[in-house]
Amino acid sequence: MKKIITYSALAIMGLGMVNVAQAGDAAAGKVKSAICIACHGADGIGTTNMNPNIAGQKEAYLAKSIKAYRDGVRNDPMMGAMAKPLSDADIDNLAAYFSSL
């Protein structure tokens, strides 16, 4: 019984150490999304076969992907140029907006 209590206490303490991502502001992301609409559409559905649908994607995935383009980890000339001026907050907001669609 003592082991169960000890393991339970450790598990609960470990939950407090989990890095929880800050959710973005979807309303602010909608305003900022004007730079995305030409390729990804106002509804997050790509305007051509070359442009992916981003509506409804997971927020964390979108944020990670956009930051990777901005930071040069993922390479695409168009996405790199679009993402370069974005702050972390801008990216989190865009991710919140497009994931909400």
C-alpha atoms as a PDB file:
ATOM      1  CA  MET A   1       0.000   0.000   0.000  1.00  0.00           C
ATOM      2  CA  LYS A   2       2.841   2.376   0.831  1.00  0.00           C
ATOM      3  CA  LYS A   3       4.351   1.845  -2.662  1.00  0.00           C
ATOM      4  CA  ILE A   4       1.048   2.739  -4.317  1.00  0.00           C
ATOM      5  CA  ILE A   5       0.816   5.966  -2.327  1.00  0.00           C
ATOM      6  CA  THR A   6       4.449   6.818  -3.124  1.00  0.00           C
ATOM      7  CA  TYR A   7       3.998   6.160  -6.859  1.00  0.00           C
ATOM      8  CA  SER A   8       0.761   8.140  -6.857  1.00  0.00           C
ATOM      9  CA  ALA A   9       2.458  11.094  -5.172  1.00  0.00           C
ATOM     10  CA  LEU A  10       5.314  10.992  -7.682  1.00  0.00           C
ATOM     11  CA  ALA A  11       2.878  10.864 -10.586  1.00  0.00           C
ATOM     12  CA  ILE A  12       0.935  13.852  -9.264  1.00  0.00           C
ATOM     13  CA  MET A  13       4.124  15.860  -8.719  1.00  0.00           C
ATOM     14  CA  GLY A  14       5.251  14.961 -12.243  1.00  0.00           C
ATOM     15  CA  LEU A  15       2.053  16.370 -13.699  1.00  0.00           C
ATOM     16  CA  GLY A  16       2.987  19.742 -12.284  1.00  0.00           C
ATOM     17  CA  MET A  17       6.215  19.658 -14.269  1.00  0.00           C
ATOM     18  CA  VAL A  18       4.586  19.045 -17.652  1.00  0.00           C
ATOM     19  CA  ASN A  19       5.245  21.887 -20.071  1.00  0.00           C
ATOM     20  CA  VAL A  20       1.821  23.103 -21.136  1.00  0.00           C
ATOM     21  CA  ALA A  21       1.777  25.255 -24.258  1.00  0.00           C
ATOM     22  CA  GLN A  22       0.100  28.613 -23.968  1.00  0.00           C
ATOM     23  CA  ALA A  23      -2.982  28.672 -26.163  1.00  0.00           C
ATOM     24  CA  GLY A  24      -3.153  31.463 -28.697  1.00  0.00           C
ATOM     25  CA  ASP A  25      -5.910  34.021 -29.199  1.00  0.00           C
ATOM     26  CA  ALA A  26      -8.043  32.886 -32.155  1.00  0.00           C
ATOM     27  CA  ALA A  27      -9.610  36.353 -32.617  1.00  0.00           C
ATOM     28  CA  ALA A  28      -6.177  37.976 -32.898  1.00  0.00           C
ATOM     29  CA  GLY A  29      -5.124  35.159 -35.226  1.00  0.00           C
ATOM     30  CA  LYS A  30      -8.075  35.842 -37.510  1.00  0.00           C
ATOM     31  CA  VAL A  31      -6.950  39.465 -37.864  1.00  0.00           C
ATOM     32  CA  LYS A  32      -3.365  38.372 -38.586  1.00  0.00           C
ATOM     33  CA  SER A  33      -4.495  35.660 -41.041  1.00  0.00           C
ATOM     34  CA  ALA A  34      -4.739  38.118 -43.935  1.00  0.00           C
ATOM     35  CA  ILE A  35      -1.157  37.156 -44.838  1.00  0.00           C
ATOM     36  CA  CYS A  36      -2.196  33.482 -45.107  1.00  0.00           C
ATOM     37  CA  ILE A  37      -5.401  33.787 -47.117  1.00  0.00           C
ATOM     38  CA  ALA A  38      -3.876  34.012 -50.609  1.00  0.00           C
ATOM     39  CA  CYS A  39      -2.493  30.480 -50.341  1.00  0.00           C
ATOM     40  CA  HIS A  40      -4.462  28.808 -47.544  1.00  0.00           C
ATOM     41  CA  GLY A  41      -7.839  30.480 -48.127  1.00  0.00           C
ATOM     42  CA  ALA A  42      -9.983  32.471 -45.707  1.00  0.00           C
ATOM     43  CA  ASP A  43     -11.419  29.189 -44.469  1.00  0.00           C
ATOM     44  CA  GLY A  44      -8.044  27.431 -44.156  1.00  0.00           C
ATOM     45  CA  ILE A  45      -8.631  25.313 -47.261  1.00  0.00           C
ATOM     46  CA  GLY A  46      -5.682  25.564 -49.687  1.00  0.00           C
ATOM     47  CA  THR A  47      -6.398  27.516 -52.845  1.00  0.00           C
ATOM     48  CA  THR A  48      -4.427  25.103 -55.066  1.00  0.00           C
ATOM     49  CA  ASN A  49      -3.255  21.498 -54.897  1.00  0.00           C
ATOM     50  CA  MET A  50       0.171  22.786 -53.823  1.00  0.00           C
ATOM     51  CA  ASN A  51      -1.178  24.623 -50.763  1.00  0.00           C
ATOM     52  CA  PRO A  52      -2.181  22.437 -47.816  1.00  0.00           C
ATOM     53  CA  ASN A  53      -5.431  22.676 -45.923  1.00  0.00           C
ATOM     54  CA  ILE A  54      -4.668  23.993 -42.466  1.00  0.00           C
ATOM     55  CA  ALA A  55      -8.197  24.367 -41.098  1.00  0.00           C
ATOM     56  CA  GLY A  56      -8.774  22.117 -38.130  1.00  0.00           C
ATOM     57  CA  GLN A  57      -5.153  21.031 -37.776  1.00  0.00           C
ATOM     58  CA  LYS A  58      -3.923  20.659 -34.209  1.00  0.00           C
ATOM     59  CA  GLU A  59      -2.894  23.999 -32.729  1.00  0.00           C
ATOM     60  CA  ALA A  60       0.462  22.768 -31.437  1.00  0.00           C
ATOM     61  CA  TYR A  61       1.323  21.248 -34.832  1.00  0.00           C
ATOM     62  CA  LEU A  62       0.529  24.481 -36.666  1.00  0.00           C
ATOM     63  CA  ALA A  63       2.558  26.592 -34.232  1.00  0.00           C
ATOM     64  CA  LYS A  64       5.524  24.227 -34.398  1.00  0.00           C
ATOM     65  CA  SER A  65       5.414  24.155 -38.206  1.00  0.00           C
ATOM     66  CA  ILE A  66       5.181  27.923 -38.646  1.00  0.00           C
ATOM     67  CA  LYS A  67       8.015  28.488 -36.167  1.00  0.00           C
ATOM     68  CA  ALA A  68      10.116  25.939 -38.054  1.00  0.00           C
ATOM     69  CA  TYR A  69       9.572  27.865 -41.309  1.00  0.00           C
ATOM     70  CA  ARG A  70      10.355  31.160 -39.589  1.00  0.00           C
ATOM     71  CA  ASP A  71      13.534  29.795 -38.028  1.00  0.00           C
ATOM     72  CA  GLY A  72      14.736  28.056 -41.200  1.00  0.00           C
ATOM     73  CA  VAL A  73      14.351  24.535 -39.789  1.00  0.00           C
ATOM     74  CA  ARG A  74      11.795  23.789 -42.516  1.00  0.00           C
ATOM     75  CA  ASN A  75      12.651  25.249 -45.882  1.00  0.00           C
ATOM     76  CA  ASP A  76      10.151  26.720 -48.292  1.00  0.00           C
ATOM     77  CA  PRO A  77      10.874  30.107 -49.892  1.00  0.00           C
ATOM     78  CA  MET A  78       7.265  31.347 -49.670  1.00  0.00           C
ATOM     79  CA  MET A  79       6.522  30.100 -46.154  1.00  0.00           C
ATOM     80  CA  GLY A  80       9.902  31.267 -44.891  1.00  0.00           C
ATOM     81  CA  ALA A  81       9.263  34.774 -46.190  1.00  0.00           C
ATOM     82  CA  MET A  82       5.738  34.878 -44.757  1.00  0.00           C
ATOM     83  CA  ALA A  83       6.756  33.512 -41.354  1.00  0.00           C
ATOM     84  CA  LYS A  84       9.976  35.511 -40.899  1.00  0.00           C
ATOM     85  CA  PRO A  85       8.362  38.677 -39.435  1.00  0.00           C
ATOM     86  CA  LEU A  86       6.001  36.769 -37.106  1.00  0.00           C
ATOM     87  CA  SER A  87       6.519  36.814 -33.350  1.00  0.00           C
ATOM     88  CA  ASP A  88       5.868  33.752 -31.201  1.00  0.00           C
ATOM     89  CA  ALA A  89       2.590  35.359 -30.100  1.00  0.00           C
ATOM     90  CA  ASP A  90       1.556  35.977 -33.726  1.00  0.00           C
ATOM     91  CA  ILE A  91       2.243  32.343 -34.542  1.00  0.00           C
ATOM     92  CA  ASP A  92       0.360  31.062 -31.498  1.00  0.00           C
ATOM     93  CA  ASN A  93      -2.607  33.250 -32.438  1.00  0.00           C
ATOM     94  CA  LEU A  94      -2.591  32.076 -36.069  1.00  0.00           C
ATOM     95  CA  ALA A  95      -2.388  28.467 -34.921  1.00  0.00           C
ATOM     96  CA  ALA A  96      -5.333  28.993 -32.551  1.00  0.00           C
ATOM     97  CA  TYR A  97      -7.383  30.571 -35.327  1.00  0.00           C
ATOM     98  CA  PHE A  98      -6.763  27.985 -38.038  1.00  0.00           C
ATOM     99  CA  SER A  99      -7.160  25.069 -35.626  1.00  0.00           C
ATOM    100  CA  SER A 100     -10.564  26.467 -34.645  1.00  0.00           C
ATOM    101  CA  LEU A 101     -11.891  26.299 -38.214  1.00  0.00           C
END
